[in-house]
Amino acid sequence: MAEESTPEPGSNRSYSSVTGGRTKEECEDMIRRSLRTPMVKFLMEHLEKSGCGIGDRFIKAVHCEKQISGGYVRGEGIMVCSNHMNIQDEVNQVVIHELIHAFDDCRAANLDWANCTHHACSEIRAGHLSGDCHYKRELLRGFMKLRGHEQECVRRRVMKSLTANPYCPEPAAKDAMEAVWDICYNDTQPFDRAP
């Protein structure tokens, strides 16, 4: 994948727009550390068990022009935007989030990222299962709601990702998210329950 290539529709993932960032080499080191974390190991094992083996370059650091933190591209793997990463936790979160998309793509033979409901389901699952919406992360983003913060955060982030998909204008994105919310939010595979 060329550095400037854009992921297919529906695969842009936005996390935080941090300034500064890391070099690709620094980010590659952070990715290697991420690969040793229990959650990443677990997801990689389940990708393998599902028949989707991944090579050494499945997760790579790239320089991104867009204000995204990373993305998953079918057939190419996961990109982590080095210039938008500052700390190890950010890299870990991007890798985990995108591995959930890769798992969904692997287990659903007909997943179509241009289909708003398919995209919404994977975004709901990734937002819910990755820890993107953990209370501490939300607090750091300036969202201080005590009750219901996790589902509200997942909804907000799903909408942000869906509306970046050229096939999902806002009304269609909202309808798609609501149509699949319950089934996808409660689908915790490959975990027994939401981590």
N, C-alpha and C. Protein backbone atom coordinates (compact mmCIF):
# COMPACT_ATOMS: atom_id res chain seq x y z
N MET A 1 0.85 -1.17 0.00
CA MET A 1 0.00 0.00 0.00
C MET A 1 0.89 1.23 0.00
N ALA A 2 0.60 2.14 -0.87
CA ALA A 2 1.34 3.40 -0.88
C ALA A 2 0.93 4.23 0.32
N GLU A 3 1.85 5.02 0.80
CA GLU A 3 1.56 5.81 1.99
C GLU A 3 0.34 6.69 1.82
N GLU A 4 0.17 7.27 0.63
CA GLU A 4 -0.92 8.21 0.44
C GLU A 4 -2.23 7.54 0.09
N SER A 5 -2.26 6.24 -0.09
CA SER A 5 -3.51 5.61 -0.49
C SER A 5 -4.55 5.73 0.60
N THR A 6 -5.77 5.86 0.18
CA THR A 6 -6.87 6.02 1.12
C THR A 6 -7.56 4.69 1.28
N PRO A 7 -7.90 4.29 2.50
CA PRO A 7 -8.61 3.03 2.70
C PRO A 7 -9.94 3.05 1.96
N GLU A 8 -10.45 1.86 1.65
CA GLU A 8 -11.74 1.77 0.98
C GLU A 8 -12.81 2.44 1.84
N PRO A 9 -13.93 2.83 1.22
CA PRO A 9 -14.98 3.50 1.99
C PRO A 9 -15.35 2.68 3.21
N GLY A 10 -15.51 3.36 4.30
CA GLY A 10 -15.92 2.69 5.52
C GLY A 10 -14.78 2.23 6.38
N SER A 11 -13.56 2.38 5.91
CA SER A 11 -12.48 1.86 6.73
C SER A 11 -11.70 2.95 7.45
N ASN A 12 -12.01 4.21 7.22
CA ASN A 12 -11.34 5.27 7.98
C ASN A 12 -11.81 5.25 9.41
N ARG A 13 -10.91 5.32 10.33
CA ARG A 13 -11.26 5.31 11.75
C ARG A 13 -10.67 6.56 12.36
N SER A 14 -11.47 7.30 13.03
CA SER A 14 -10.97 8.52 13.65
C SER A 14 -10.97 8.35 15.15
N TYR A 15 -9.91 8.73 15.79
CA TYR A 15 -9.81 8.60 17.25
C TYR A 15 -9.61 9.96 17.87
N SER A 16 -8.41 10.43 17.94
CA SER A 16 -8.18 11.75 18.49
C SER A 16 -7.29 12.50 17.53
N SER A 17 -7.49 13.77 17.46
CA SER A 17 -6.63 14.55 16.58
C SER A 17 -5.56 15.19 17.45
N VAL A 18 -4.53 14.42 17.69
CA VAL A 18 -3.43 14.89 18.53
C VAL A 18 -2.40 15.58 17.65
N THR A 19 -1.65 16.46 18.23
CA THR A 19 -0.62 17.16 17.47
C THR A 19 0.72 16.54 17.79
N GLY A 20 1.65 16.80 16.93
CA GLY A 20 2.99 16.26 17.15
C GLY A 20 3.17 14.99 16.37
N GLY A 21 2.91 13.89 17.01
CA GLY A 21 3.02 12.62 16.34
C GLY A 21 4.42 12.03 16.43
N ARG A 22 4.55 10.86 15.85
CA ARG A 22 5.79 10.09 15.86
C ARG A 22 6.27 9.86 14.44
N THR A 23 7.54 9.52 14.33
CA THR A 23 8.05 9.10 13.03
C THR A 23 7.52 7.70 12.75
N LYS A 24 7.61 7.28 11.49
CA LYS A 24 7.16 5.92 11.17
C LYS A 24 7.98 4.89 11.93
N GLU A 25 9.28 5.15 12.08
CA GLU A 25 10.14 4.19 12.79
C GLU A 25 9.73 4.09 14.26
N GLU A 26 9.46 5.21 14.91
CA GLU A 26 9.02 5.20 16.30
C GLU A 26 7.68 4.47 16.42
N CYS A 27 6.80 4.72 15.47
CA CYS A 27 5.48 4.08 15.49
C CYS A 27 5.61 2.57 15.26
N GLU A 28 6.53 2.16 14.39
CA GLU A 28 6.75 0.73 14.16
C GLU A 28 7.18 0.05 15.47
N ASP A 29 8.03 0.71 16.24
CA ASP A 29 8.44 0.18 17.55
C ASP A 29 7.22 0.07 18.47
N MET A 30 6.37 1.09 18.44
CA MET A 30 5.17 1.07 19.29
C MET A 30 4.21 -0.05 18.86
N ILE A 31 4.12 -0.29 17.56
CA ILE A 31 3.29 -1.39 17.06
C ILE A 31 3.85 -2.72 17.57
N ARG A 32 5.18 -2.89 17.51
CA ARG A 32 5.79 -4.13 18.01
C ARG A 32 5.45 -4.34 19.50
N ARG A 33 5.49 -3.27 20.28
CA ARG A 33 5.11 -3.39 21.70
C ARG A 33 3.63 -3.74 21.83
N SER A 34 2.81 -3.17 20.98
CA SER A 34 1.38 -3.45 21.00
C SER A 34 1.11 -4.93 20.74
N LEU A 35 1.89 -5.53 19.85
CA LEU A 35 1.70 -6.95 19.51
C LEU A 35 1.94 -7.88 20.69
N ARG A 36 2.58 -7.37 21.74
CA ARG A 36 2.84 -8.19 22.93
C ARG A 36 1.75 -8.02 24.00
N THR A 37 0.77 -7.15 23.78
CA THR A 37 -0.28 -6.95 24.78
C THR A 37 -1.28 -8.10 24.71
N PRO A 38 -1.86 -8.48 25.84
CA PRO A 38 -2.80 -9.62 25.86
C PRO A 38 -3.98 -9.48 24.90
N MET A 39 -4.58 -8.31 24.82
CA MET A 39 -5.76 -8.12 23.96
C MET A 39 -5.38 -8.28 22.48
N VAL A 40 -4.27 -7.71 22.07
CA VAL A 40 -3.84 -7.83 20.68
C VAL A 40 -3.48 -9.28 20.37
N LYS A 41 -2.77 -9.95 21.26
CA LYS A 41 -2.44 -11.37 21.06
C LYS A 41 -3.72 -12.20 20.90
N PHE A 42 -4.70 -11.94 21.77
CA PHE A 42 -5.98 -12.66 21.73
C PHE A 42 -6.65 -12.48 20.37
N LEU A 43 -6.74 -11.25 19.90
CA LEU A 43 -7.41 -10.98 18.63
C LEU A 43 -6.65 -11.59 17.45
N MET A 44 -5.33 -11.53 17.49
CA MET A 44 -4.53 -12.12 16.42
C MET A 44 -4.72 -13.64 16.38
N GLU A 45 -4.75 -14.27 17.56
CA GLU A 45 -4.99 -15.72 17.62
C GLU A 45 -6.35 -16.07 17.01
N HIS A 46 -7.35 -15.26 17.31
CA HIS A 46 -8.69 -15.55 16.79
C HIS A 46 -8.81 -15.27 15.30
N LEU A 47 -8.04 -14.35 14.79
CA LEU A 47 -7.98 -14.16 13.34
C LEU A 47 -7.40 -15.42 12.69
N GLU A 48 -6.33 -15.93 13.27
CA GLU A 48 -5.70 -17.16 12.76
C GLU A 48 -6.69 -18.32 12.82
N LYS A 49 -7.36 -18.49 13.97
CA LYS A 49 -8.32 -19.59 14.15
C LYS A 49 -9.48 -19.49 13.16
N SER A 50 -9.81 -18.26 12.75
CA SER A 50 -10.91 -18.05 11.81
C SER A 50 -10.48 -18.24 10.36
N GLY A 51 -9.22 -18.60 10.18
CA GLY A 51 -8.73 -18.85 8.84
C GLY A 51 -8.15 -17.63 8.14
N CYS A 52 -7.92 -16.59 8.89
CA CYS A 52 -7.39 -15.36 8.29
C CYS A 52 -6.00 -15.09 8.84
N GLY A 53 -5.06 -15.86 8.35
CA GLY A 53 -3.68 -15.66 8.77
C GLY A 53 -3.19 -14.30 8.33
N ILE A 54 -2.34 -13.73 9.14
CA ILE A 54 -1.83 -12.41 8.81
C ILE A 54 -0.31 -12.46 8.80
N GLY A 55 0.27 -11.74 7.89
CA GLY A 55 1.72 -11.74 7.77
C GLY A 55 2.38 -10.71 8.67
N ASP A 56 3.70 -10.65 8.55
CA ASP A 56 4.50 -9.74 9.37
C ASP A 56 4.17 -8.28 9.11
N ARG A 57 3.73 -7.95 7.91
CA ARG A 57 3.46 -6.55 7.56
C ARG A 57 1.97 -6.24 7.55
N PHE A 58 1.18 -7.01 8.27
CA PHE A 58 -0.27 -6.78 8.32
C PHE A 58 -0.59 -5.45 9.01
N ILE A 59 0.21 -5.10 10.01
CA ILE A 59 0.02 -3.84 10.72
C ILE A 59 1.25 -2.98 10.46
N LYS A 60 1.03 -1.81 9.89
CA LYS A 60 2.18 -0.98 9.53
C LYS A 60 1.93 0.49 9.89
N ALA A 61 3.02 1.18 10.12
CA ALA A 61 2.97 2.62 10.39
C ALA A 61 3.05 3.35 9.05
N VAL A 62 2.20 4.35 8.90
CA VAL A 62 2.21 5.18 7.70
C VAL A 62 2.02 6.64 8.10
N HIS A 63 2.38 7.53 7.21
CA HIS A 63 2.12 8.96 7.41
C HIS A 63 0.77 9.23 6.76
N CYS A 64 -0.16 9.84 7.50
CA CYS A 64 -1.50 10.09 6.98
C CYS A 64 -1.74 11.58 6.80
N GLU A 65 -2.25 11.93 5.65
CA GLU A 65 -2.61 13.33 5.39
C GLU A 65 -3.92 13.70 6.07
N LYS A 66 -4.86 12.75 6.10
CA LYS A 66 -6.17 13.00 6.72
C LYS A 66 -6.05 12.95 8.24
N GLN A 67 -7.00 13.56 8.92
CA GLN A 67 -7.03 13.57 10.39
C GLN A 67 -7.68 12.27 10.89
N ILE A 68 -6.99 11.18 10.68
CA ILE A 68 -7.43 9.88 11.18
C ILE A 68 -6.27 9.26 11.94
N SER A 69 -6.58 8.29 12.76
CA SER A 69 -5.53 7.62 13.53
C SER A 69 -5.11 6.31 12.91
N GLY A 70 -5.95 5.77 12.07
CA GLY A 70 -5.62 4.51 11.44
C GLY A 70 -6.78 3.99 10.64
N GLY A 71 -6.60 2.81 10.08
CA GLY A 71 -7.66 2.20 9.30
C GLY A 71 -7.33 0.76 8.96
N TYR A 72 -8.34 0.06 8.51
CA TYR A 72 -8.19 -1.31 8.03
C TYR A 72 -8.59 -1.31 6.56
N VAL A 73 -7.77 -1.94 5.73
CA VAL A 73 -8.06 -2.06 4.32
C VAL A 73 -8.03 -3.54 3.96
N ARG A 74 -9.16 -4.05 3.48
CA ARG A 74 -9.24 -5.47 3.10
C ARG A 74 -8.12 -5.81 2.11
N GLY A 75 -7.45 -6.90 2.40
CA GLY A 75 -6.39 -7.36 1.51
C GLY A 75 -5.04 -6.69 1.74
N GLU A 76 -5.02 -5.61 2.50
CA GLU A 76 -3.77 -4.91 2.76
C GLU A 76 -3.39 -4.89 4.23
N GLY A 77 -4.37 -4.85 5.11
CA GLY A 77 -4.08 -4.87 6.54
C GLY A 77 -4.45 -3.59 7.25
N ILE A 78 -3.74 -3.35 8.32
CA ILE A 78 -4.03 -2.23 9.22
C ILE A 78 -2.93 -1.19 9.09
N MET A 79 -3.36 0.05 8.99
CA MET A 79 -2.39 1.14 9.01
C MET A 79 -2.59 1.92 10.30
N VAL A 80 -1.48 2.34 10.87
CA VAL A 80 -1.49 3.21 12.05
C VAL A 80 -0.83 4.51 11.62
N CYS A 81 -1.52 5.61 11.78
CA CYS A 81 -1.02 6.91 11.33
C CYS A 81 0.00 7.45 12.33
N SER A 82 1.28 7.25 12.01
CA SER A 82 2.35 7.61 12.94
C SER A 82 2.32 9.09 13.31
N ASN A 83 1.99 9.94 12.37
CA ASN A 83 2.00 11.38 12.63
C ASN A 83 0.83 11.84 13.50
N HIS A 84 -0.07 10.94 13.85
CA HIS A 84 -1.17 11.27 14.76
C HIS A 84 -1.09 10.48 16.07
N MET A 85 0.03 9.79 16.27
CA MET A 85 0.23 9.00 17.49
C MET A 85 1.26 9.71 18.38
N ASN A 86 0.98 9.74 19.67
CA ASN A 86 1.94 10.31 20.61
C ASN A 86 2.38 9.32 21.69
N ILE A 87 1.45 8.49 22.15
CA ILE A 87 1.75 7.59 23.26
C ILE A 87 1.36 6.15 22.91
N GLN A 88 1.94 5.21 23.65
CA GLN A 88 1.71 3.79 23.39
C GLN A 88 0.22 3.42 23.45
N ASP A 89 -0.51 3.97 24.40
CA ASP A 89 -1.92 3.64 24.54
C ASP A 89 -2.71 3.97 23.27
N GLU A 90 -2.36 5.06 22.60
CA GLU A 90 -3.06 5.42 21.36
C GLU A 90 -2.82 4.36 20.29
N VAL A 91 -1.58 3.91 20.17
CA VAL A 91 -1.25 2.87 19.18
C VAL A 91 -1.99 1.58 19.53
N ASN A 92 -1.97 1.20 20.80
CA ASN A 92 -2.69 -0.01 21.22
C ASN A 92 -4.16 0.07 20.84
N GLN A 93 -4.79 1.22 21.10
CA GLN A 93 -6.22 1.37 20.82
C GLN A 93 -6.51 1.26 19.33
N VAL A 94 -5.69 1.88 18.50
CA VAL A 94 -5.89 1.80 17.06
C VAL A 94 -5.75 0.35 16.61
N VAL A 95 -4.72 -0.32 17.06
CA VAL A 95 -4.48 -1.72 16.65
C VAL A 95 -5.65 -2.61 17.07
N ILE A 96 -6.11 -2.47 18.30
CA ILE A 96 -7.23 -3.29 18.79
C ILE A 96 -8.49 -3.00 17.99
N HIS A 97 -8.82 -1.73 17.82
CA HIS A 97 -10.02 -1.33 17.08
C HIS A 97 -9.99 -1.92 15.67
N GLU A 98 -8.87 -1.76 15.00
CA GLU A 98 -8.77 -2.23 13.62
C GLU A 98 -8.72 -3.75 13.52
N LEU A 99 -8.16 -4.43 14.51
CA LEU A 99 -8.18 -5.89 14.52
C LEU A 99 -9.61 -6.42 14.63
N ILE A 100 -10.47 -5.71 15.34
CA ILE A 100 -11.87 -6.12 15.42
C ILE A 100 -12.52 -5.99 14.04
N HIS A 101 -12.20 -4.92 13.31
CA HIS A 101 -12.70 -4.80 11.93
C HIS A 101 -12.16 -5.94 11.06
N ALA A 102 -10.89 -6.26 11.21
CA ALA A 102 -10.30 -7.36 10.44
C ALA A 102 -10.98 -8.68 10.77
N PHE A 103 -11.28 -8.90 12.06
CA PHE A 103 -11.98 -10.11 12.48
C PHE A 103 -13.37 -10.16 11.85
N ASP A 104 -14.09 -9.03 11.88
CA ASP A 104 -15.42 -8.99 11.28
C ASP A 104 -15.34 -9.28 9.78
N ASP A 105 -14.36 -8.69 9.12
CA ASP A 105 -14.19 -8.90 7.68
C ASP A 105 -13.89 -10.37 7.39
N CYS A 106 -13.14 -11.01 8.27
CA CYS A 106 -12.77 -12.41 8.11
C CYS A 106 -13.98 -13.33 8.29
N ARG A 107 -14.75 -13.10 9.34
CA ARG A 107 -15.84 -14.03 9.65
C ARG A 107 -17.09 -13.81 8.81
N ALA A 108 -17.25 -12.64 8.22
CA ALA A 108 -18.43 -12.35 7.40
C ALA A 108 -17.99 -12.33 5.94
N ALA A 109 -18.23 -13.41 5.25
CA ALA A 109 -17.76 -13.53 3.87
C ALA A 109 -18.33 -12.45 2.96
N ASN A 110 -19.46 -11.90 3.32
CA ASN A 110 -20.10 -10.91 2.44
C ASN A 110 -20.07 -9.49 3.00
N LEU A 111 -19.16 -9.20 3.92
CA LEU A 111 -19.12 -7.86 4.49
C LEU A 111 -18.79 -6.84 3.39
N ASP A 112 -19.63 -5.83 3.28
CA ASP A 112 -19.49 -4.81 2.25
C ASP A 112 -19.34 -3.46 2.94
N TRP A 113 -18.14 -2.88 2.91
CA TRP A 113 -17.89 -1.61 3.62
C TRP A 113 -18.68 -0.46 3.02
N ALA A 114 -19.20 -0.61 1.80
CA ALA A 114 -20.03 0.43 1.20
C ALA A 114 -21.48 0.32 1.66
N ASN A 115 -21.83 -0.79 2.32
CA ASN A 115 -23.17 -0.98 2.86
C ASN A 115 -23.20 -0.36 4.27
N CYS A 116 -24.03 0.64 4.46
CA CYS A 116 -24.03 1.38 5.74
C CYS A 116 -24.33 0.49 6.94
N THR A 117 -25.22 -0.48 6.80
CA THR A 117 -25.53 -1.34 7.95
C THR A 117 -24.36 -2.26 8.27
N HIS A 118 -23.67 -2.78 7.27
CA HIS A 118 -22.49 -3.61 7.52
C HIS A 118 -21.42 -2.79 8.22
N HIS A 119 -21.16 -1.62 7.68
CA HIS A 119 -20.14 -0.73 8.27
C HIS A 119 -20.53 -0.36 9.69
N ALA A 120 -21.81 0.00 9.89
CA ALA A 120 -22.28 0.39 11.23
C ALA A 120 -22.07 -0.74 12.23
N CYS A 121 -22.38 -1.96 11.84
CA CYS A 121 -22.25 -3.09 12.76
C CYS A 121 -20.81 -3.26 13.20
N SER A 122 -19.89 -3.22 12.26
CA SER A 122 -18.48 -3.39 12.62
C SER A 122 -17.99 -2.23 13.48
N GLU A 123 -18.45 -1.02 13.20
CA GLU A 123 -18.06 0.13 14.02
C GLU A 123 -18.62 0.02 15.44
N ILE A 124 -19.86 -0.44 15.56
CA ILE A 124 -20.47 -0.61 16.89
C ILE A 124 -19.64 -1.62 17.68
N ARG A 125 -19.34 -2.74 17.05
CA ARG A 125 -18.56 -3.78 17.72
C ARG A 125 -17.18 -3.28 18.10
N ALA A 126 -16.50 -2.61 17.18
CA ALA A 126 -15.14 -2.13 17.46
C ALA A 126 -15.15 -1.08 18.56
N GLY A 127 -16.12 -0.18 18.52
CA GLY A 127 -16.21 0.84 19.56
C GLY A 127 -16.50 0.25 20.93
N HIS A 128 -17.37 -0.73 20.96
CA HIS A 128 -17.78 -1.36 22.22
C HIS A 128 -16.71 -2.29 22.78
N LEU A 129 -16.08 -3.08 21.94
CA LEU A 129 -15.17 -4.12 22.41
C LEU A 129 -13.72 -3.68 22.57
N SER A 130 -13.34 -2.59 21.95
CA SER A 130 -11.93 -2.19 21.94
C SER A 130 -11.50 -1.39 23.16
N GLY A 131 -12.46 -0.83 23.87
CA GLY A 131 -12.09 0.05 24.99
C GLY A 131 -11.99 1.51 24.57
N ASP A 132 -12.32 1.80 23.29
CA ASP A 132 -12.29 3.18 22.80
C ASP A 132 -13.09 4.12 23.71
N CYS A 133 -14.16 3.59 24.28
CA CYS A 133 -15.08 4.44 25.04
C CYS A 133 -14.98 4.23 26.54
N HIS A 134 -13.85 3.74 26.99
CA HIS A 134 -13.63 3.60 28.43
C HIS A 134 -13.79 4.97 29.09
N TYR A 135 -14.30 4.97 30.29
CA TYR A 135 -14.58 6.21 31.03
C TYR A 135 -13.38 7.15 31.06
N LYS A 136 -12.18 6.62 31.32
CA LYS A 136 -10.99 7.47 31.41
C LYS A 136 -10.68 8.15 30.08
N ARG A 137 -10.85 7.41 28.98
CA ARG A 137 -10.59 8.00 27.66
C ARG A 137 -11.61 9.09 27.36
N GLU A 138 -12.85 8.84 27.72
CA GLU A 138 -13.89 9.85 27.51
C GLU A 138 -13.61 11.11 28.34
N LEU A 139 -13.18 10.91 29.55
CA LEU A 139 -12.85 12.04 30.43
C LEU A 139 -11.74 12.89 29.80
N LEU A 140 -10.72 12.22 29.26
CA LEU A 140 -9.62 12.94 28.61
C LEU A 140 -10.07 13.68 27.36
N ARG A 141 -11.14 13.20 26.72
CA ARG A 141 -11.69 13.88 25.54
C ARG A 141 -12.61 15.03 25.93
N GLY A 142 -12.88 15.16 27.23
CA GLY A 142 -13.74 16.25 27.69
C GLY A 142 -15.20 15.87 27.85
N PHE A 143 -15.50 14.58 27.79
CA PHE A 143 -16.87 14.11 28.00
C PHE A 143 -16.95 13.55 29.42
N MET A 144 -17.75 14.20 30.28
CA MET A 144 -17.73 13.85 31.70
C MET A 144 -19.03 13.24 32.20
N LYS A 145 -19.81 12.64 31.34
CA LYS A 145 -21.05 12.03 31.75
C LYS A 145 -20.77 10.77 32.57
N LEU A 146 -21.46 10.62 33.68
CA LEU A 146 -21.22 9.47 34.56
C LEU A 146 -22.02 8.24 34.15
N ARG A 147 -23.27 8.44 33.78
CA ARG A 147 -24.12 7.30 33.41
C ARG A 147 -24.34 7.26 31.90
N GLY A 148 -24.25 6.08 31.36
CA GLY A 148 -24.53 5.89 29.94
C GLY A 148 -23.46 6.43 29.02
N HIS A 149 -22.30 6.75 29.57
CA HIS A 149 -21.26 7.34 28.72
C HIS A 149 -20.78 6.38 27.63
N GLU A 150 -20.71 5.09 27.94
CA GLU A 150 -20.12 4.15 26.99
C GLU A 150 -20.97 4.03 25.73
N GLN A 151 -22.26 3.82 25.86
CA GLN A 151 -23.11 3.69 24.68
C GLN A 151 -23.20 5.01 23.92
N GLU A 152 -23.25 6.10 24.64
CA GLU A 152 -23.29 7.42 23.99
C GLU A 152 -22.00 7.65 23.19
N CYS A 153 -20.88 7.28 23.78
CA CYS A 153 -19.59 7.41 23.09
C CYS A 153 -19.55 6.53 21.85
N VAL A 154 -19.97 5.28 21.97
CA VAL A 154 -19.95 4.38 20.82
C VAL A 154 -20.82 4.97 19.72
N ARG A 155 -22.01 5.44 20.05
CA ARG A 155 -22.90 6.03 19.04
C ARG A 155 -22.24 7.24 18.36
N ARG A 156 -21.63 8.10 19.14
CA ARG A 156 -20.98 9.30 18.61
C ARG A 156 -19.86 8.91 17.64
N ARG A 157 -19.06 7.94 18.04
CA ARG A 157 -17.92 7.54 17.23
C ARG A 157 -18.34 6.74 16.00
N VAL A 158 -19.40 5.95 16.12
CA VAL A 158 -19.94 5.23 14.96
C VAL A 158 -20.41 6.26 13.93
N MET A 159 -21.14 7.26 14.37
CA MET A 159 -21.65 8.28 13.45
C MET A 159 -20.50 9.03 12.78
N LYS A 160 -19.46 9.31 13.52
CA LYS A 160 -18.32 10.02 12.95
C LYS A 160 -17.68 9.20 11.83
N SER A 161 -17.53 7.91 12.08
CA SER A 161 -16.93 7.03 11.08
C SER A 161 -17.86 6.82 9.89
N LEU A 162 -19.13 6.57 10.17
CA LEU A 162 -20.08 6.32 9.08
C LEU A 162 -20.23 7.52 8.16
N THR A 163 -20.31 8.71 8.73
CA THR A 163 -20.51 9.88 7.88
C THR A 163 -19.26 10.22 7.07
N ALA A 164 -18.12 9.62 7.42
CA ALA A 164 -16.91 9.77 6.60
C ALA A 164 -16.95 8.82 5.40
N ASN A 165 -17.88 7.87 5.43
CA ASN A 165 -18.05 6.91 4.33
C ASN A 165 -18.91 7.60 3.27
N PRO A 166 -18.40 7.77 2.05
CA PRO A 166 -19.18 8.48 1.02
C PRO A 166 -20.51 7.80 0.68
N TYR A 167 -20.67 6.55 1.04
CA TYR A 167 -21.91 5.83 0.78
C TYR A 167 -22.94 6.01 1.90
N CYS A 168 -22.58 6.70 2.96
CA CYS A 168 -23.45 6.80 4.14
C CYS A 168 -23.68 8.25 4.57
N PRO A 169 -24.51 8.98 3.85
CA PRO A 169 -24.83 10.33 4.32
C PRO A 169 -25.51 10.24 5.69
N GLU A 170 -25.52 11.34 6.42
CA GLU A 170 -25.95 11.31 7.82
C GLU A 170 -27.29 10.62 8.08
N PRO A 171 -28.37 10.93 7.35
CA PRO A 171 -29.64 10.23 7.66
C PRO A 171 -29.52 8.71 7.48
N ALA A 172 -28.86 8.27 6.42
CA ALA A 172 -28.70 6.83 6.18
C ALA A 172 -27.80 6.22 7.26
N ALA A 173 -26.78 6.95 7.66
CA ALA A 173 -25.87 6.45 8.70
C ALA A 173 -26.61 6.24 10.01
N LYS A 174 -27.41 7.21 10.39
CA LYS A 174 -28.16 7.10 11.66
C LYS A 174 -29.15 5.94 11.60
N ASP A 175 -29.87 5.84 10.49
CA ASP A 175 -30.83 4.74 10.32
C ASP A 175 -30.13 3.38 10.38
N ALA A 176 -28.98 3.28 9.72
CA ALA A 176 -28.22 2.02 9.71
C ALA A 176 -27.77 1.66 11.12
N MET A 177 -27.24 2.65 11.84
CA MET A 177 -26.76 2.39 13.20
C MET A 177 -27.91 1.91 14.09
N GLU A 178 -29.03 2.59 14.03
CA GLU A 178 -30.17 2.22 14.87
C GLU A 178 -30.73 0.85 14.50
N ALA A 179 -30.71 0.52 13.22
CA ALA A 179 -31.26 -0.75 12.75
C ALA A 179 -30.48 -1.95 13.29
N VAL A 180 -29.17 -1.80 13.45
CA VAL A 180 -28.35 -2.94 13.86
C VAL A 180 -27.80 -2.81 15.28
N TRP A 181 -28.15 -1.74 15.98
CA TRP A 181 -27.54 -1.46 17.28
C TRP A 181 -27.61 -2.65 18.23
N ASP A 182 -28.80 -3.14 18.54
CA ASP A 182 -28.95 -4.18 19.56
C ASP A 182 -28.17 -5.45 19.22
N ILE A 183 -28.34 -5.94 18.01
CA ILE A 183 -27.67 -7.19 17.66
C ILE A 183 -26.15 -7.03 17.62
N CYS A 184 -25.67 -5.92 17.11
CA CYS A 184 -24.22 -5.74 16.97
C CYS A 184 -23.57 -5.35 18.29
N TYR A 185 -24.25 -4.56 19.09
CA TYR A 185 -23.71 -4.17 20.39
C TYR A 185 -23.58 -5.40 21.30
N ASN A 186 -24.50 -6.33 21.15
CA ASN A 186 -24.49 -7.53 21.99
C ASN A 186 -23.67 -8.68 21.41
N ASP A 187 -23.14 -8.51 20.20
CA ASP A 187 -22.28 -9.51 19.58
C ASP A 187 -20.85 -9.25 20.07
N THR A 188 -20.38 -10.10 20.95
CA THR A 188 -19.06 -9.87 21.57
C THR A 188 -17.97 -10.79 21.02
N GLN A 189 -18.26 -11.54 19.95
CA GLN A 189 -17.25 -12.42 19.37
C GLN A 189 -16.01 -11.63 18.97
N PRO A 190 -14.81 -12.11 19.17
CA PRO A 190 -14.44 -13.43 19.66
C PRO A 190 -14.38 -13.54 21.18
N PHE A 191 -14.81 -12.50 21.88
CA PHE A 191 -14.80 -12.53 23.35
C PHE A 191 -16.05 -13.22 23.86
N ASP A 192 -15.97 -13.82 25.06
CA ASP A 192 -17.15 -14.41 25.68
C ASP A 192 -18.12 -13.32 26.11
N ARG A 193 -17.55 -12.20 26.54
CA ARG A 193 -18.35 -11.04 26.95
C ARG A 193 -17.50 -9.80 26.67
N ALA A 194 -18.12 -8.65 26.68
CA ALA A 194 -17.38 -7.42 26.38
C ALA A 194 -16.25 -7.23 27.41
N PRO A 195 -15.04 -6.97 26.92
CA PRO A 195 -13.90 -6.79 27.85
C PRO A 195 -14.04 -5.52 28.68
